[in-house]
Amino acid sequence: MSLALLLAVFADREIAGRGVYRTLLIWPYAIAPAVAAVLWVMLLHPQVGMVAHGLKALGVAWDYKLNDTQAMLVVILASAWKQVSYNFIFFLAGLQSIPRSVVEAARMDGARGWRRFRTIVLPLLAPTTFFLLVVNLVYAAFDTFGTIQALTQGGPGKATETLVVKVYRDGVVNLDLGGSSAQSVVLMLVIVVLTSLQFRFLGRRSQS
């Protein structure tokens, strides 16, 4: 979300070719999670990945198939890259909905740069930020399954096995339908509780 906000701030400026810039930033959202994972495999796979070869040439012992930390890093990178475009669209729309007169008035009052962004722009983006927090929570809980399954299958060991991956493994692979169903209910309840807490605390703050 932070990266998407940064990109949206730059895209909201009057720069040459900003239409092309915005289009390129939106494209990753149109890619299916499994396809996005395959793209990252082509870059980071320890045997065939272009970036992996570069890291090894620099002396980095890169092998996310065996290293727990590296595996989780790859999953986070692939999942975040896929979701940045979605967040970017909403942040850009939120920035464009802010009245220019308000920003200009703050500039004339001496608020510059980071101070103007922190005191004027960011509070006005609070409803958008709150909405994206809820959406990204649900995305992290459910929609990362395709990415994880294509990249690591929950491995090495269980290093990248999220609850939704475990539900799939127990229900489809191990045929433990009862246990898988129970875990699905638990996952749903956890997301409902976390979302409710966000609505109660962050939602109230964003509306104040």
N, C-alpha and C. Protein backbone atom coordinates (compact mmCIF):
# COMPACT_ATOMS: atom_id res chain seq x y z
N MET A 1 0.83 -1.20 0.00
CA MET A 1 0.00 0.00 0.00
C MET A 1 0.86 1.26 0.00
N SER A 2 1.96 1.23 0.73
CA SER A 2 2.86 2.39 0.76
C SER A 2 3.46 2.65 -0.61
N LEU A 3 3.90 1.58 -1.28
CA LEU A 3 4.46 1.73 -2.62
C LEU A 3 3.41 2.24 -3.61
N ALA A 4 2.19 1.71 -3.49
CA ALA A 4 1.11 2.15 -4.38
C ALA A 4 0.80 3.63 -4.16
N LEU A 5 0.81 4.07 -2.90
CA LEU A 5 0.56 5.48 -2.60
C LEU A 5 1.66 6.36 -3.18
N LEU A 6 2.91 5.92 -3.05
CA LEU A 6 4.03 6.68 -3.60
C LEU A 6 3.90 6.81 -5.12
N LEU A 7 3.57 5.71 -5.79
CA LEU A 7 3.41 5.74 -7.24
C LEU A 7 2.23 6.62 -7.64
N ALA A 8 1.16 6.57 -6.86
CA ALA A 8 -0.02 7.39 -7.17
C ALA A 8 0.29 8.87 -7.03
N VAL A 9 1.09 9.22 -6.04
CA VAL A 9 1.47 10.63 -5.85
C VAL A 9 2.25 11.13 -7.06
N PHE A 10 3.18 10.31 -7.56
CA PHE A 10 3.95 10.71 -8.74
C PHE A 10 3.07 10.75 -9.99
N ALA A 11 2.15 9.78 -10.11
CA ALA A 11 1.28 9.72 -11.30
C ALA A 11 0.27 10.85 -11.32
N ASP A 12 -0.02 11.43 -10.16
CA ASP A 12 -1.00 12.52 -10.08
C ASP A 12 -0.41 13.85 -10.53
N ARG A 13 0.90 13.89 -10.72
CA ARG A 13 1.53 15.13 -11.14
C ARG A 13 1.42 15.33 -12.66
N GLU A 14 1.62 16.57 -13.07
CA GLU A 14 1.61 16.89 -14.50
C GLU A 14 2.99 16.55 -15.08
N ILE A 15 3.13 15.32 -15.58
CA ILE A 15 4.39 14.87 -16.16
C ILE A 15 4.13 14.36 -17.57
N ALA A 16 5.15 14.41 -18.40
CA ALA A 16 5.02 13.96 -19.78
C ALA A 16 4.79 12.45 -19.82
N GLY A 17 3.82 12.03 -20.60
CA GLY A 17 3.54 10.61 -20.77
C GLY A 17 2.90 9.96 -19.57
N ARG A 18 2.19 10.73 -18.75
CA ARG A 18 1.64 10.15 -17.53
C ARG A 18 0.53 9.13 -17.83
N GLY A 19 -0.13 9.27 -19.01
CA GLY A 19 -1.14 8.28 -19.39
C GLY A 19 -0.53 6.90 -19.59
N VAL A 20 0.62 6.87 -20.26
CA VAL A 20 1.33 5.60 -20.46
C VAL A 20 1.83 5.06 -19.12
N TYR A 21 2.33 5.96 -18.30
CA TYR A 21 2.84 5.60 -16.98
C TYR A 21 1.76 4.94 -16.14
N ARG A 22 0.56 5.53 -16.16
CA ARG A 22 -0.55 4.97 -15.38
C ARG A 22 -0.98 3.61 -15.92
N THR A 23 -1.03 3.50 -17.25
CA THR A 23 -1.45 2.23 -17.86
C THR A 23 -0.50 1.10 -17.50
N LEU A 24 0.79 1.36 -17.55
CA LEU A 24 1.78 0.33 -17.22
C LEU A 24 1.67 -0.10 -15.76
N LEU A 25 1.32 0.84 -14.89
CA LEU A 25 1.19 0.50 -13.47
C LEU A 25 -0.07 -0.32 -13.19
N ILE A 26 -1.09 -0.17 -14.02
CA ILE A 26 -2.35 -0.88 -13.82
C ILE A 26 -2.29 -2.30 -14.36
N TRP A 27 -1.47 -2.55 -15.37
CA TRP A 27 -1.42 -3.85 -16.04
C TRP A 27 -1.27 -5.06 -15.12
N PRO A 28 -0.37 -5.03 -14.13
CA PRO A 28 -0.19 -6.25 -13.31
C PRO A 28 -1.47 -6.76 -12.66
N TYR A 29 -2.45 -5.87 -12.41
CA TYR A 29 -3.69 -6.33 -11.77
C TYR A 29 -4.49 -7.24 -12.69
N ALA A 30 -4.28 -7.13 -14.00
CA ALA A 30 -5.01 -7.95 -14.96
C ALA A 30 -4.43 -9.37 -15.07
N ILE A 31 -3.30 -9.60 -14.43
CA ILE A 31 -2.63 -10.90 -14.52
C ILE A 31 -3.13 -11.81 -13.39
N ALA A 32 -3.46 -13.04 -13.73
CA ALA A 32 -3.91 -14.01 -12.72
C ALA A 32 -2.78 -14.29 -11.73
N PRO A 33 -3.12 -14.57 -10.45
CA PRO A 33 -2.08 -14.83 -9.45
C PRO A 33 -1.10 -15.92 -9.84
N ALA A 34 -1.60 -17.02 -10.41
CA ALA A 34 -0.71 -18.11 -10.80
C ALA A 34 0.25 -17.69 -11.91
N VAL A 35 -0.26 -16.88 -12.86
CA VAL A 35 0.59 -16.39 -13.95
C VAL A 35 1.64 -15.44 -13.40
N ALA A 36 1.24 -14.57 -12.47
CA ALA A 36 2.20 -13.67 -11.84
C ALA A 36 3.29 -14.45 -11.13
N ALA A 37 2.91 -15.55 -10.48
CA ALA A 37 3.90 -16.38 -9.80
C ALA A 37 4.88 -17.00 -10.79
N VAL A 38 4.39 -17.42 -11.96
CA VAL A 38 5.27 -18.00 -12.98
C VAL A 38 6.28 -16.96 -13.46
N LEU A 39 5.84 -15.72 -13.61
CA LEU A 39 6.77 -14.65 -14.01
C LEU A 39 7.89 -14.50 -12.99
N TRP A 40 7.55 -14.57 -11.71
CA TRP A 40 8.56 -14.45 -10.66
C TRP A 40 9.46 -15.68 -10.61
N VAL A 41 8.90 -16.84 -10.96
CA VAL A 41 9.74 -18.04 -11.04
C VAL A 41 10.80 -17.86 -12.10
N MET A 42 10.43 -17.30 -13.25
CA MET A 42 11.39 -17.08 -14.33
C MET A 42 12.49 -16.11 -13.92
N LEU A 43 12.21 -15.27 -12.94
CA LEU A 43 13.21 -14.31 -12.47
C LEU A 43 14.05 -14.86 -11.32
N LEU A 44 13.42 -15.59 -10.40
CA LEU A 44 14.08 -15.92 -9.13
C LEU A 44 14.35 -17.41 -8.92
N HIS A 45 13.94 -18.26 -9.86
CA HIS A 45 14.21 -19.69 -9.69
C HIS A 45 15.71 -19.92 -9.59
N PRO A 46 16.16 -20.70 -8.59
CA PRO A 46 17.61 -20.87 -8.36
C PRO A 46 18.37 -21.47 -9.54
N GLN A 47 17.70 -22.19 -10.43
CA GLN A 47 18.39 -22.79 -11.57
C GLN A 47 18.23 -21.98 -12.86
N VAL A 48 17.03 -21.45 -13.11
CA VAL A 48 16.78 -20.81 -14.41
C VAL A 48 16.50 -19.31 -14.30
N GLY A 49 16.36 -18.79 -13.10
CA GLY A 49 16.00 -17.38 -12.93
C GLY A 49 17.13 -16.43 -13.28
N MET A 50 16.80 -15.37 -14.02
CA MET A 50 17.80 -14.39 -14.42
C MET A 50 18.33 -13.61 -13.22
N VAL A 51 17.42 -13.18 -12.35
CA VAL A 51 17.84 -12.45 -11.16
C VAL A 51 18.63 -13.36 -10.23
N ALA A 52 18.22 -14.63 -10.14
CA ALA A 52 18.92 -15.59 -9.28
C ALA A 52 20.37 -15.76 -9.73
N HIS A 53 20.59 -15.82 -11.04
CA HIS A 53 21.97 -15.93 -11.54
C HIS A 53 22.79 -14.70 -11.18
N GLY A 54 22.14 -13.54 -11.25
CA GLY A 54 22.84 -12.31 -10.86
C GLY A 54 23.19 -12.29 -9.39
N LEU A 55 22.27 -12.76 -8.55
CA LEU A 55 22.54 -12.81 -7.11
C LEU A 55 23.68 -13.78 -6.79
N LYS A 56 23.68 -14.91 -7.47
CA LYS A 56 24.75 -15.88 -7.24
C LYS A 56 26.10 -15.34 -7.70
N ALA A 57 26.08 -14.56 -8.77
CA ALA A 57 27.33 -13.95 -9.26
C ALA A 57 27.88 -12.95 -8.25
N LEU A 58 26.99 -12.36 -7.45
CA LEU A 58 27.40 -11.42 -6.41
C LEU A 58 27.77 -12.12 -5.11
N GLY A 59 27.70 -13.45 -5.11
CA GLY A 59 28.07 -14.21 -3.93
C GLY A 59 26.94 -14.49 -2.96
N VAL A 60 25.70 -14.23 -3.37
CA VAL A 60 24.54 -14.48 -2.51
C VAL A 60 24.11 -15.93 -2.69
N ALA A 61 23.99 -16.66 -1.58
CA ALA A 61 23.56 -18.06 -1.64
C ALA A 61 22.04 -18.08 -1.80
N TRP A 62 21.59 -17.94 -3.04
CA TRP A 62 20.15 -17.80 -3.30
C TRP A 62 19.53 -19.14 -3.69
N ASP A 63 18.58 -19.60 -2.90
CA ASP A 63 17.81 -20.79 -3.25
C ASP A 63 16.55 -20.81 -2.38
N TYR A 64 15.51 -20.17 -2.88
CA TYR A 64 14.29 -20.07 -2.08
C TYR A 64 13.58 -21.41 -1.96
N LYS A 65 14.01 -22.40 -2.73
CA LYS A 65 13.43 -23.73 -2.60
C LYS A 65 13.88 -24.41 -1.31
N LEU A 66 15.00 -23.94 -0.75
CA LEU A 66 15.55 -24.55 0.47
C LEU A 66 15.59 -23.59 1.65
N ASN A 67 15.61 -22.30 1.40
CA ASN A 67 15.76 -21.31 2.45
C ASN A 67 14.39 -20.75 2.84
N ASP A 68 14.01 -20.91 4.11
CA ASP A 68 12.69 -20.47 4.58
C ASP A 68 12.48 -18.97 4.39
N THR A 69 13.48 -18.18 4.80
CA THR A 69 13.36 -16.72 4.72
C THR A 69 13.24 -16.25 3.29
N GLN A 70 14.05 -16.81 2.41
CA GLN A 70 14.00 -16.44 1.00
C GLN A 70 12.67 -16.83 0.37
N ALA A 71 12.14 -17.98 0.75
CA ALA A 71 10.85 -18.42 0.22
C ALA A 71 9.74 -17.45 0.60
N MET A 72 9.71 -17.05 1.87
CA MET A 72 8.69 -16.10 2.30
C MET A 72 8.88 -14.75 1.62
N LEU A 73 10.14 -14.33 1.42
CA LEU A 73 10.42 -13.06 0.74
C LEU A 73 9.89 -13.09 -0.69
N VAL A 74 10.09 -14.21 -1.38
CA VAL A 74 9.60 -14.34 -2.76
C VAL A 74 8.08 -14.28 -2.79
N VAL A 75 7.42 -14.95 -1.86
CA VAL A 75 5.96 -14.93 -1.80
C VAL A 75 5.45 -13.52 -1.55
N ILE A 76 6.09 -12.82 -0.64
CA ILE A 76 5.68 -11.44 -0.32
C ILE A 76 5.87 -10.54 -1.53
N LEU A 77 7.02 -10.66 -2.21
CA LEU A 77 7.29 -9.83 -3.38
C LEU A 77 6.27 -10.07 -4.48
N ALA A 78 6.01 -11.35 -4.78
CA ALA A 78 5.08 -11.68 -5.85
C ALA A 78 3.66 -11.23 -5.51
N SER A 79 3.25 -11.45 -4.28
CA SER A 79 1.89 -11.08 -3.87
C SER A 79 1.71 -9.56 -3.84
N ALA A 80 2.72 -8.86 -3.32
CA ALA A 80 2.64 -7.40 -3.25
C ALA A 80 2.65 -6.78 -4.64
N TRP A 81 3.51 -7.31 -5.52
CA TRP A 81 3.57 -6.80 -6.89
C TRP A 81 2.23 -6.94 -7.59
N LYS A 82 1.56 -8.04 -7.33
CA LYS A 82 0.25 -8.28 -7.95
C LYS A 82 -0.79 -7.29 -7.43
N GLN A 83 -0.70 -6.90 -6.18
CA GLN A 83 -1.73 -6.07 -5.55
C GLN A 83 -1.44 -4.58 -5.63
N VAL A 84 -0.21 -4.20 -5.94
CA VAL A 84 0.14 -2.78 -5.99
C VAL A 84 -0.75 -2.03 -6.98
N SER A 85 -1.02 -2.65 -8.12
CA SER A 85 -1.83 -1.97 -9.15
C SER A 85 -3.23 -1.65 -8.64
N TYR A 86 -3.84 -2.59 -7.92
CA TYR A 86 -5.19 -2.37 -7.39
C TYR A 86 -5.18 -1.18 -6.42
N ASN A 87 -4.21 -1.17 -5.51
CA ASN A 87 -4.11 -0.07 -4.56
C ASN A 87 -3.82 1.25 -5.27
N PHE A 88 -3.00 1.17 -6.30
CA PHE A 88 -2.63 2.37 -7.06
C PHE A 88 -3.85 3.03 -7.68
N ILE A 89 -4.74 2.23 -8.25
CA ILE A 89 -5.94 2.76 -8.90
C ILE A 89 -6.77 3.57 -7.91
N PHE A 90 -6.98 3.02 -6.72
CA PHE A 90 -7.83 3.69 -5.73
C PHE A 90 -7.14 4.91 -5.13
N PHE A 91 -5.83 4.79 -4.87
CA PHE A 91 -5.12 5.95 -4.33
C PHE A 91 -5.10 7.09 -5.34
N LEU A 92 -4.91 6.76 -6.61
CA LEU A 92 -4.89 7.81 -7.64
C LEU A 92 -6.26 8.47 -7.75
N ALA A 93 -7.32 7.66 -7.70
CA ALA A 93 -8.67 8.23 -7.73
C ALA A 93 -8.92 9.11 -6.51
N GLY A 94 -8.42 8.66 -5.34
CA GLY A 94 -8.58 9.45 -4.13
C GLY A 94 -7.83 10.78 -4.21
N LEU A 95 -6.63 10.75 -4.77
CA LEU A 95 -5.85 11.98 -4.91
C LEU A 95 -6.52 12.95 -5.87
N GLN A 96 -7.09 12.43 -6.94
CA GLN A 96 -7.72 13.30 -7.92
C GLN A 96 -9.05 13.87 -7.43
N SER A 97 -9.61 13.23 -6.40
CA SER A 97 -10.87 13.74 -5.85
C SER A 97 -10.65 14.85 -4.83
N ILE A 98 -9.41 15.05 -4.40
CA ILE A 98 -9.11 16.11 -3.44
C ILE A 98 -9.17 17.46 -4.17
N PRO A 99 -9.96 18.41 -3.69
CA PRO A 99 -10.05 19.71 -4.35
C PRO A 99 -8.68 20.40 -4.45
N ARG A 100 -8.33 20.83 -5.63
CA ARG A 100 -7.04 21.50 -5.83
C ARG A 100 -6.98 22.80 -5.03
N SER A 101 -8.14 23.39 -4.79
CA SER A 101 -8.16 24.65 -4.04
C SER A 101 -7.65 24.46 -2.62
N VAL A 102 -7.95 23.28 -2.03
CA VAL A 102 -7.48 23.00 -0.68
C VAL A 102 -5.96 22.88 -0.65
N VAL A 103 -5.42 22.16 -1.62
CA VAL A 103 -3.97 21.99 -1.69
C VAL A 103 -3.28 23.32 -1.96
N GLU A 104 -3.86 24.12 -2.86
CA GLU A 104 -3.27 25.42 -3.18
C GLU A 104 -3.32 26.35 -1.98
N ALA A 105 -4.41 26.28 -1.22
CA ALA A 105 -4.53 27.12 -0.02
C ALA A 105 -3.47 26.74 1.00
N ALA A 106 -3.23 25.44 1.16
CA ALA A 106 -2.19 24.99 2.08
C ALA A 106 -0.82 25.45 1.61
N ARG A 107 -0.61 25.42 0.29
CA ARG A 107 0.68 25.87 -0.24
C ARG A 107 0.88 27.36 0.02
N MET A 108 -0.17 28.13 -0.16
CA MET A 108 -0.06 29.57 0.08
C MET A 108 0.14 29.89 1.54
N ASP A 109 -0.34 29.00 2.43
CA ASP A 109 -0.16 29.20 3.87
C ASP A 109 1.22 28.76 4.34
N GLY A 110 2.02 28.23 3.43
CA GLY A 110 3.39 27.87 3.77
C GLY A 110 3.62 26.40 4.01
N ALA A 111 2.60 25.58 3.84
CA ALA A 111 2.77 24.13 4.00
C ALA A 111 3.40 23.57 2.73
N ARG A 112 4.57 22.99 2.86
CA ARG A 112 5.29 22.51 1.69
C ARG A 112 5.65 21.03 1.83
N GLY A 113 5.77 20.38 0.68
CA GLY A 113 6.31 19.03 0.62
C GLY A 113 5.61 18.05 1.54
N TRP A 114 6.44 17.40 2.36
CA TRP A 114 5.97 16.34 3.25
C TRP A 114 4.95 16.85 4.25
N ARG A 115 5.15 18.09 4.74
CA ARG A 115 4.22 18.64 5.73
C ARG A 115 2.83 18.81 5.13
N ARG A 116 2.76 19.30 3.90
CA ARG A 116 1.46 19.47 3.25
C ARG A 116 0.80 18.11 3.00
N PHE A 117 1.61 17.13 2.59
CA PHE A 117 1.07 15.80 2.34
C PHE A 117 0.56 15.17 3.63
N ARG A 118 1.31 15.32 4.72
CA ARG A 118 0.94 14.69 5.99
C ARG A 118 -0.26 15.35 6.65
N THR A 119 -0.38 16.65 6.53
CA THR A 119 -1.44 17.36 7.25
C THR A 119 -2.70 17.60 6.41
N ILE A 120 -2.57 17.59 5.10
CA ILE A 120 -3.72 17.88 4.23
C ILE A 120 -4.14 16.66 3.41
N VAL A 121 -3.21 16.13 2.63
CA VAL A 121 -3.55 15.08 1.67
C VAL A 121 -3.86 13.76 2.37
N LEU A 122 -2.99 13.35 3.28
CA LEU A 122 -3.16 12.05 3.93
C LEU A 122 -4.46 11.94 4.72
N PRO A 123 -4.85 12.96 5.51
CA PRO A 123 -6.15 12.85 6.20
C PRO A 123 -7.33 12.76 5.23
N LEU A 124 -7.27 13.44 4.09
CA LEU A 124 -8.35 13.38 3.12
C LEU A 124 -8.39 12.03 2.40
N LEU A 125 -7.27 11.30 2.44
CA LEU A 125 -7.22 9.97 1.85
C LEU A 125 -7.60 8.88 2.84
N ALA A 126 -7.96 9.25 4.06
CA ALA A 126 -8.24 8.26 5.10
C ALA A 126 -9.33 7.27 4.72
N PRO A 127 -10.46 7.69 4.13
CA PRO A 127 -11.48 6.69 3.74
C PRO A 127 -10.97 5.69 2.71
N THR A 128 -10.20 6.17 1.74
CA THR A 128 -9.61 5.27 0.73
C THR A 128 -8.64 4.31 1.38
N THR A 129 -7.81 4.82 2.27
CA THR A 129 -6.82 3.98 2.96
C THR A 129 -7.51 2.91 3.79
N PHE A 130 -8.57 3.28 4.48
CA PHE A 130 -9.31 2.32 5.29
C PHE A 130 -9.91 1.22 4.42
N PHE A 131 -10.52 1.61 3.30
CA PHE A 131 -11.10 0.62 2.39
C PHE A 131 -10.03 -0.34 1.89
N LEU A 132 -8.87 0.18 1.52
CA LEU A 132 -7.80 -0.67 1.00
C LEU A 132 -7.22 -1.58 2.08
N LEU A 133 -7.20 -1.13 3.32
CA LEU A 133 -6.74 -1.99 4.41
C LEU A 133 -7.62 -3.23 4.52
N VAL A 134 -8.92 -3.04 4.43
CA VAL A 134 -9.85 -4.17 4.51
C VAL A 134 -9.66 -5.10 3.31
N VAL A 135 -9.59 -4.52 2.11
CA VAL A 135 -9.43 -5.32 0.89
C VAL A 135 -8.13 -6.10 0.91
N ASN A 136 -7.05 -5.46 1.35
CA ASN A 136 -5.75 -6.14 1.36
C ASN A 136 -5.69 -7.23 2.42
N LEU A 137 -6.41 -7.06 3.51
CA LEU A 137 -6.49 -8.12 4.52
C LEU A 137 -7.14 -9.36 3.93
N VAL A 138 -8.24 -9.17 3.22
CA VAL A 138 -8.92 -10.30 2.59
C VAL A 138 -8.05 -10.91 1.50
N TYR A 139 -7.37 -10.06 0.74
CA TYR A 139 -6.46 -10.55 -0.30
C TYR A 139 -5.36 -11.42 0.29
N ALA A 140 -4.75 -10.95 1.37
CA ALA A 140 -3.66 -11.71 1.99
C ALA A 140 -4.14 -13.05 2.53
N ALA A 141 -5.38 -13.09 2.98
CA ALA A 141 -5.90 -14.31 3.58
C ALA A 141 -6.32 -15.34 2.53
N PHE A 142 -6.85 -14.89 1.40
CA PHE A 142 -7.44 -15.82 0.43
C PHE A 142 -6.75 -15.82 -0.93
N ASP A 143 -6.59 -14.63 -1.53
CA ASP A 143 -6.18 -14.55 -2.93
C ASP A 143 -4.70 -14.84 -3.17
N THR A 144 -3.92 -14.97 -2.12
CA THR A 144 -2.51 -15.32 -2.29
C THR A 144 -2.31 -16.81 -2.52
N PHE A 145 -3.39 -17.59 -2.45
CA PHE A 145 -3.25 -19.04 -2.60
C PHE A 145 -2.61 -19.42 -3.93
N GLY A 146 -3.10 -18.82 -5.03
CA GLY A 146 -2.56 -19.17 -6.34
C GLY A 146 -1.09 -18.85 -6.46
N THR A 147 -0.69 -17.73 -5.90
CA THR A 147 0.72 -17.33 -5.94
C THR A 147 1.59 -18.30 -5.15
N ILE A 148 1.16 -18.62 -3.94
CA ILE A 148 1.95 -19.53 -3.10
C ILE A 148 2.01 -20.92 -3.70
N GLN A 149 0.89 -21.39 -4.21
CA GLN A 149 0.84 -22.73 -4.77
C GLN A 149 1.75 -22.85 -5.99
N ALA A 150 1.80 -21.82 -6.81
CA ALA A 150 2.65 -21.87 -8.00
C ALA A 150 4.13 -21.67 -7.68
N LEU A 151 4.41 -20.92 -6.62
CA LEU A 151 5.81 -20.61 -6.30
C LEU A 151 6.46 -21.67 -5.41
N THR A 152 5.81 -21.98 -4.30
CA THR A 152 6.48 -22.81 -3.28
C THR A 152 5.67 -24.01 -2.82
N GLN A 153 4.38 -24.08 -3.17
CA GLN A 153 3.48 -25.12 -2.66
C GLN A 153 3.48 -25.18 -1.13
N GLY A 154 3.72 -24.05 -0.51
CA GLY A 154 3.73 -23.99 0.95
C GLY A 154 5.08 -24.29 1.57
N GLY A 155 6.05 -24.68 0.79
CA GLY A 155 7.37 -25.04 1.29
C GLY A 155 8.34 -23.87 1.29
N PRO A 156 9.61 -24.14 1.60
CA PRO A 156 10.15 -25.44 2.04
C PRO A 156 9.62 -25.84 3.42
N GLY A 157 9.30 -27.10 3.55
CA GLY A 157 8.63 -27.56 4.76
C GLY A 157 7.25 -26.96 4.81
N LYS A 158 7.00 -26.12 5.83
CA LYS A 158 5.74 -25.40 5.94
C LYS A 158 5.99 -23.91 6.10
N ALA A 159 7.12 -23.44 5.57
CA ALA A 159 7.54 -22.05 5.78
C ALA A 159 6.57 -21.05 5.19
N THR A 160 5.96 -21.38 4.06
CA THR A 160 5.03 -20.44 3.42
C THR A 160 3.61 -21.01 3.38
N GLU A 161 3.31 -21.90 4.28
CA GLU A 161 1.98 -22.51 4.32
C GLU A 161 1.04 -21.63 5.13
N THR A 162 0.28 -20.80 4.45
CA THR A 162 -0.74 -20.01 5.11
C THR A 162 -1.95 -20.90 5.39
N LEU A 163 -2.93 -20.36 6.10
CA LEU A 163 -4.08 -21.18 6.49
C LEU A 163 -4.88 -21.64 5.27
N VAL A 164 -4.99 -20.78 4.26
CA VAL A 164 -5.75 -21.18 3.08
C VAL A 164 -5.03 -22.28 2.31
N VAL A 165 -3.69 -22.26 2.32
CA VAL A 165 -2.92 -23.35 1.70
C VAL A 165 -3.09 -24.64 2.48
N LYS A 166 -3.12 -24.53 3.81
CA LYS A 166 -3.30 -25.72 4.65
C LYS A 166 -4.69 -26.31 4.45
N VAL A 167 -5.69 -25.44 4.29
CA VAL A 167 -7.05 -25.92 4.03
C VAL A 167 -7.08 -26.73 2.74
N TYR A 168 -6.42 -26.23 1.72
CA TYR A 168 -6.36 -26.94 0.44
C TYR A 168 -5.62 -28.27 0.58
N ARG A 169 -4.48 -28.23 1.25
CA ARG A 169 -3.67 -29.44 1.38
C ARG A 169 -4.40 -30.52 2.17
N ASP A 170 -5.04 -30.12 3.28
CA ASP A 170 -5.75 -31.09 4.10
C ASP A 170 -6.99 -31.63 3.39
N GLY A 171 -7.71 -30.75 2.69
CA GLY A 171 -8.95 -31.18 2.08
C GLY A 171 -8.80 -31.88 0.75
N VAL A 172 -7.92 -31.36 -0.13
CA VAL A 172 -7.79 -31.89 -1.48
C VAL A 172 -6.71 -32.95 -1.57
N VAL A 173 -5.57 -32.71 -0.94
CA VAL A 173 -4.45 -33.64 -1.04
C VAL A 173 -4.60 -34.80 -0.06
N ASN A 174 -4.84 -34.47 1.22
CA ASN A 174 -4.93 -35.50 2.25
C ASN A 174 -6.35 -36.03 2.47
N LEU A 175 -7.33 -35.44 1.78
CA LEU A 175 -8.73 -35.88 1.84
C LEU A 175 -9.31 -35.86 3.25
N ASP A 176 -8.81 -34.94 4.09
CA ASP A 176 -9.37 -34.74 5.42
C ASP A 176 -10.44 -33.66 5.32
N LEU A 177 -11.61 -34.03 4.84
CA LEU A 177 -12.64 -33.05 4.55
C LEU A 177 -13.18 -32.38 5.81
N GLY A 178 -13.29 -33.15 6.89
CA GLY A 178 -13.79 -32.58 8.14
C GLY A 178 -12.84 -31.52 8.69
N GLY A 179 -11.56 -31.88 8.78
CA GLY A 179 -10.57 -30.93 9.29
C GLY A 179 -10.45 -29.70 8.40
N SER A 180 -10.49 -29.92 7.09
CA SER A 180 -10.39 -28.82 6.16
C SER A 180 -11.59 -27.88 6.28
N SER A 181 -12.77 -28.43 6.45
CA SER A 181 -13.98 -27.61 6.61
C SER A 181 -13.92 -26.79 7.89
N ALA A 182 -13.45 -27.42 8.97
CA ALA A 182 -13.34 -26.71 10.25
C ALA A 182 -12.35 -25.55 10.14
N GLN A 183 -11.22 -25.79 9.47
CA GLN A 183 -10.23 -24.74 9.29
C GLN A 183 -10.77 -23.61 8.42
N SER A 184 -11.60 -23.94 7.44
CA SER A 184 -12.20 -22.91 6.59
C SER A 184 -13.10 -21.99 7.42
N VAL A 185 -13.87 -22.59 8.34
CA VAL A 185 -14.73 -21.79 9.20
C VAL A 185 -13.90 -20.90 10.11
N VAL A 186 -12.82 -21.46 10.66
CA VAL A 186 -11.94 -20.66 11.53
C VAL A 186 -11.34 -19.50 10.75
N LEU A 187 -10.88 -19.76 9.53
CA LEU A 187 -10.30 -18.71 8.71
C LEU A 187 -11.33 -17.61 8.44
N MET A 188 -12.55 -18.01 8.12
CA MET A 188 -13.60 -17.03 7.86
C MET A 188 -13.87 -16.18 9.10
N LEU A 189 -13.94 -16.83 10.27
CA LEU A 189 -14.21 -16.10 11.51
C LEU A 189 -13.08 -15.13 11.84
N VAL A 190 -11.84 -15.56 11.62
CA VAL A 190 -10.69 -14.68 11.88
C VAL A 190 -10.77 -13.44 11.01
N ILE A 191 -11.08 -13.62 9.72
CA ILE A 191 -11.17 -12.48 8.81
C ILE A 191 -12.33 -11.57 9.19
N VAL A 192 -13.46 -12.17 9.58
CA VAL A 192 -14.61 -11.36 10.00
C VAL A 192 -14.27 -10.53 11.23
N VAL A 193 -13.60 -11.15 12.21
CA VAL A 193 -13.23 -10.43 13.43
C VAL A 193 -12.25 -9.30 13.13
N LEU A 194 -11.21 -9.59 12.34
CA LEU A 194 -10.22 -8.56 12.01
C LEU A 194 -10.85 -7.43 11.20
N THR A 195 -11.72 -7.76 10.28
CA THR A 195 -12.39 -6.73 9.49
C THR A 195 -13.30 -5.88 10.36
N SER A 196 -14.00 -6.52 11.30
CA SER A 196 -14.87 -5.78 12.22
C SER A 196 -14.07 -4.81 13.08
N LEU A 197 -12.91 -5.27 13.55
CA LEU A 197 -12.05 -4.39 14.34
C LEU A 197 -11.57 -3.21 13.52
N GLN A 198 -11.23 -3.47 12.25
CA GLN A 198 -10.82 -2.37 11.39
C GLN A 198 -11.95 -1.37 11.20
N PHE A 199 -13.17 -1.87 11.00
CA PHE A 199 -14.32 -0.97 10.84
C PHE A 199 -14.56 -0.17 12.11
N ARG A 200 -14.35 -0.81 13.25
CA ARG A 200 -14.66 -0.14 14.51
C ARG A 200 -13.66 0.96 14.86
N PHE A 201 -12.35 0.65 14.66
CA PHE A 201 -11.33 1.61 15.09
C PHE A 201 -10.83 2.49 13.94
N LEU A 202 -10.38 1.87 12.86
CA LEU A 202 -9.85 2.65 11.75
C LEU A 202 -10.96 3.40 11.02
N GLY A 203 -12.12 2.74 10.86
CA GLY A 203 -13.23 3.39 10.19
C GLY A 203 -13.70 4.63 10.91
N ARG A 204 -13.78 4.54 12.24
CA ARG A 204 -14.20 5.70 13.04
C ARG A 204 -13.18 6.84 12.91
N ARG A 205 -11.90 6.45 12.89
CA ARG A 205 -10.87 7.50 12.78
C ARG A 205 -10.89 8.16 11.40
N SER A 206 -11.11 7.34 10.33
CA SER A 206 -11.09 7.90 8.99
C SER A 206 -12.27 8.84 8.73
N GLN A 207 -13.36 8.68 9.51
CA GLN A 207 -14.53 9.52 9.31
C GLN A 207 -14.52 10.77 10.19
N SER A 208 -13.60 10.77 11.16
CA SER A 208 -13.55 11.93 12.08
C SER A 208 -12.76 13.08 11.50
